[in-house]
Every structure is written in structure tokens, then in C-alpha cells.
Amino acid sequence: MLSRSPRQITLLDIYRASAAPPAFAIHSYPVEKRCLVSCHLKECMSELLSQAQNSFERSLAKITLADLVGQIRQKTH
């Protein structure tokens, strides 16, 4: 196992290592065949939620564990 410093570990690394579910997901619900929204909502929302997930992960990749610890220390002093 390789050891990395907190400055090399991003929050995205931690997020992926924790095997957390996606931050944005489509809820399960029964489709009402007579309702156009119900029939097409999942398909339409899928791309939007994928883009939101990608944006979320890009944000996590910009923050290191050292950054987060530094913010916590600032708040406690």
C-alpha cells in the first residue's frame, strides 16, 4: 500500500474510496403510462443528474485532505 500525504489526497479520492452512492440519483417510482411526465422524466433527468454528479466530483478533486483539516483548525481556534 502506498502512503500519500494529506496534500496529495483529494476529497474525491476519499469519496471514491468510501464507495458512497452517487450524490445525485433518480428515485424509483412506478411509471403511470397515461402520464407523459412519468413516462419520460427518468430519461430526461438522467443526463442532467450525470452532469451534476460530474461537477460535484470535479469540485471534490480540487480540495485536498490538508485543505479540509486546515479549515477545521481555523474554525476551532
C-alpha atoms as a PDB file:
ATOM      1  CA  MET A   1       0.000   0.000   0.000  1.00  0.00           C
ATOM      2  CA  LEU A   2       1.368   3.396  -0.984  1.00  0.00           C
ATOM      3  CA  SER A   3       1.317   6.173   1.538  1.00  0.00           C
ATOM      4  CA  ARG A   4       0.396   9.700   0.448  1.00  0.00           C
ATOM      5  CA  SER A   5       0.461  12.934   2.361  1.00  0.00           C
ATOM      6  CA  PRO A   6      -2.772  14.805   3.137  1.00  0.00           C
ATOM      7  CA  ARG A   7      -1.740  17.327   0.469  1.00  0.00           C
ATOM      8  CA  GLN A   8      -1.888  14.575  -2.145  1.00  0.00           C
ATOM      9  CA  ILE A   9      -5.222  13.086  -1.108  1.00  0.00           C
ATOM     10  CA  THR A  10      -8.268  14.794  -2.558  1.00  0.00           C
ATOM     11  CA  LEU A  11     -11.786  14.643  -1.244  1.00  0.00           C
ATOM     12  CA  LEU A  12     -12.629  12.869  -4.498  1.00  0.00           C
ATOM     13  CA  ASP A  13     -10.153  10.122  -3.533  1.00  0.00           C
ATOM     14  CA  ILE A  14     -11.924   9.762  -0.196  1.00  0.00           C
ATOM     15  CA  TYR A  15     -15.381   9.879  -1.775  1.00  0.00           C
ATOM     16  CA  ARG A  16     -14.482   7.114  -4.226  1.00  0.00           C
ATOM     17  CA  ALA A  17     -12.705   5.001  -1.590  1.00  0.00           C
ATOM     18  CA  SER A  18     -15.777   5.120   0.636  1.00  0.00           C
ATOM     19  CA  ALA A  19     -17.905   3.600  -2.155  1.00  0.00           C
ATOM     20  CA  ALA A  20     -20.582   6.188  -1.429  1.00  0.00           C
ATOM     21  CA  PRO A  21     -23.633   6.152  -3.667  1.00  0.00           C
ATOM     22  CA  PRO A  22     -23.930   8.928  -6.248  1.00  0.00           C
ATOM     23  CA  ALA A  23     -24.808  12.287  -4.708  1.00  0.00           C
ATOM     24  CA  PHE A  24     -27.489  12.741  -7.341  1.00  0.00           C
ATOM     25  CA  ALA A  25     -29.784   9.889  -8.256  1.00  0.00           C
ATOM     26  CA  ILE A  26     -33.181   9.290  -9.751  1.00  0.00           C
ATOM     27  CA  HIS A  27     -35.681   7.934  -7.281  1.00  0.00           C
ATOM     28  CA  SER A  28     -37.582   4.772  -8.048  1.00  0.00           C
ATOM     29  CA  TYR A  29     -41.243   5.248  -8.644  1.00  0.00           C
ATOM     30  CA  PRO A  30     -43.914   3.468 -10.622  1.00  0.00           C
ATOM     31  CA  VAL A  31     -44.464   4.818 -14.116  1.00  0.00           C
ATOM     32  CA  GLU A  32     -48.005   5.908 -14.872  1.00  0.00           C
ATOM     33  CA  LYS A  33     -48.375   5.051 -18.557  1.00  0.00           C
ATOM     34  CA  ARG A  34     -51.044   7.727 -19.114  1.00  0.00           C
ATOM     35  CA  CYS A  35     -48.734  10.481 -17.800  1.00  0.00           C
ATOM     36  CA  LEU A  36     -46.168  11.881 -20.256  1.00  0.00           C
ATOM     37  CA  VAL A  37     -44.040  13.291 -17.428  1.00  0.00           C
ATOM     38  CA  SER A  38     -43.975   9.995 -15.568  1.00  0.00           C
ATOM     39  CA  CYS A  39     -43.040   8.131 -18.751  1.00  0.00           C
ATOM     40  CA  HIS A  40     -40.134  10.394 -19.706  1.00  0.00           C
ATOM     41  CA  LEU A  41     -38.849  12.001 -16.508  1.00  0.00           C
ATOM     42  CA  LYS A  42     -36.130   9.443 -15.729  1.00  0.00           C
ATOM     43  CA  GLU A  43     -34.717   9.612 -19.238  1.00  0.00           C
ATOM     44  CA  CYS A  44     -34.716  13.421 -19.267  1.00  0.00           C
ATOM     45  CA  MET A  45     -33.274  13.767 -15.777  1.00  0.00           C
ATOM     46  CA  SER A  46     -30.568  11.157 -16.287  1.00  0.00           C
ATOM     47  CA  GLU A  47     -28.249  13.423 -18.313  1.00  0.00           C
ATOM     48  CA  LEU A  48     -28.847  16.394 -16.026  1.00  0.00           C
ATOM     49  CA  LEU A  49     -28.041  14.373 -12.904  1.00  0.00           C
ATOM     50  CA  SER A  50     -24.958  12.902 -14.581  1.00  0.00           C
ATOM     51  CA  GLN A  51     -23.697  16.422 -15.298  1.00  0.00           C
ATOM     52  CA  ALA A  52     -24.397  17.442 -11.686  1.00  0.00           C
ATOM     53  CA  GLN A  53     -22.503  14.390 -10.383  1.00  0.00           C
ATOM     54  CA  ASN A  54     -19.535  15.185 -12.635  1.00  0.00           C
ATOM     55  CA  SER A  55     -19.499  18.799 -11.433  1.00  0.00           C
ATOM     56  CA  PHE A  56     -19.662  17.637  -7.807  1.00  0.00           C
ATOM     57  CA  GLU A  57     -16.723  15.262  -8.348  1.00  0.00           C
ATOM     58  CA  ARG A  58     -14.648  17.950 -10.107  1.00  0.00           C
ATOM     59  CA  SER A  59     -15.205  20.177  -7.058  1.00  0.00           C
ATOM     60  CA  LEU A  60     -14.087  17.414  -4.694  1.00  0.00           C
ATOM     61  CA  ALA A  61     -10.965  16.866  -6.805  1.00  0.00           C
ATOM     62  CA  LYS A  62      -9.881  20.468  -6.163  1.00  0.00           C
ATOM     63  CA  ILE A  63      -9.891  20.099  -2.361  1.00  0.00           C
ATOM     64  CA  THR A  64      -7.252  18.129  -0.506  1.00  0.00           C
ATOM     65  CA  LEU A  65      -7.477  16.471   2.866  1.00  0.00           C
ATOM     66  CA  ALA A  66      -4.923  19.031   4.083  1.00  0.00           C
ATOM     67  CA  ASP A  67      -7.233  21.855   2.912  1.00  0.00           C
ATOM     68  CA  LEU A  68     -10.133  20.395   4.851  1.00  0.00           C
ATOM     69  CA  VAL A  69      -8.082  19.853   8.011  1.00  0.00           C
ATOM     70  CA  GLY A  70      -6.799  23.433   7.723  1.00  0.00           C
ATOM     71  CA  GLN A  71     -10.360  24.772   7.527  1.00  0.00           C
ATOM     72  CA  ILE A  72     -11.367  22.748  10.581  1.00  0.00           C
ATOM     73  CA  ARG A  73      -8.363  24.029  12.528  1.00  0.00           C
ATOM     74  CA  GLN A  74      -9.205  27.640  11.643  1.00  0.00           C
ATOM     75  CA  LYS A  75     -12.717  27.209  12.983  1.00  0.00           C
ATOM     76  CA  THR A  76     -11.526  25.707  16.259  1.00  0.00           C
ATOM     77  CA  HIS A  77      -9.040  28.477  17.096  1.00  0.00           C
END
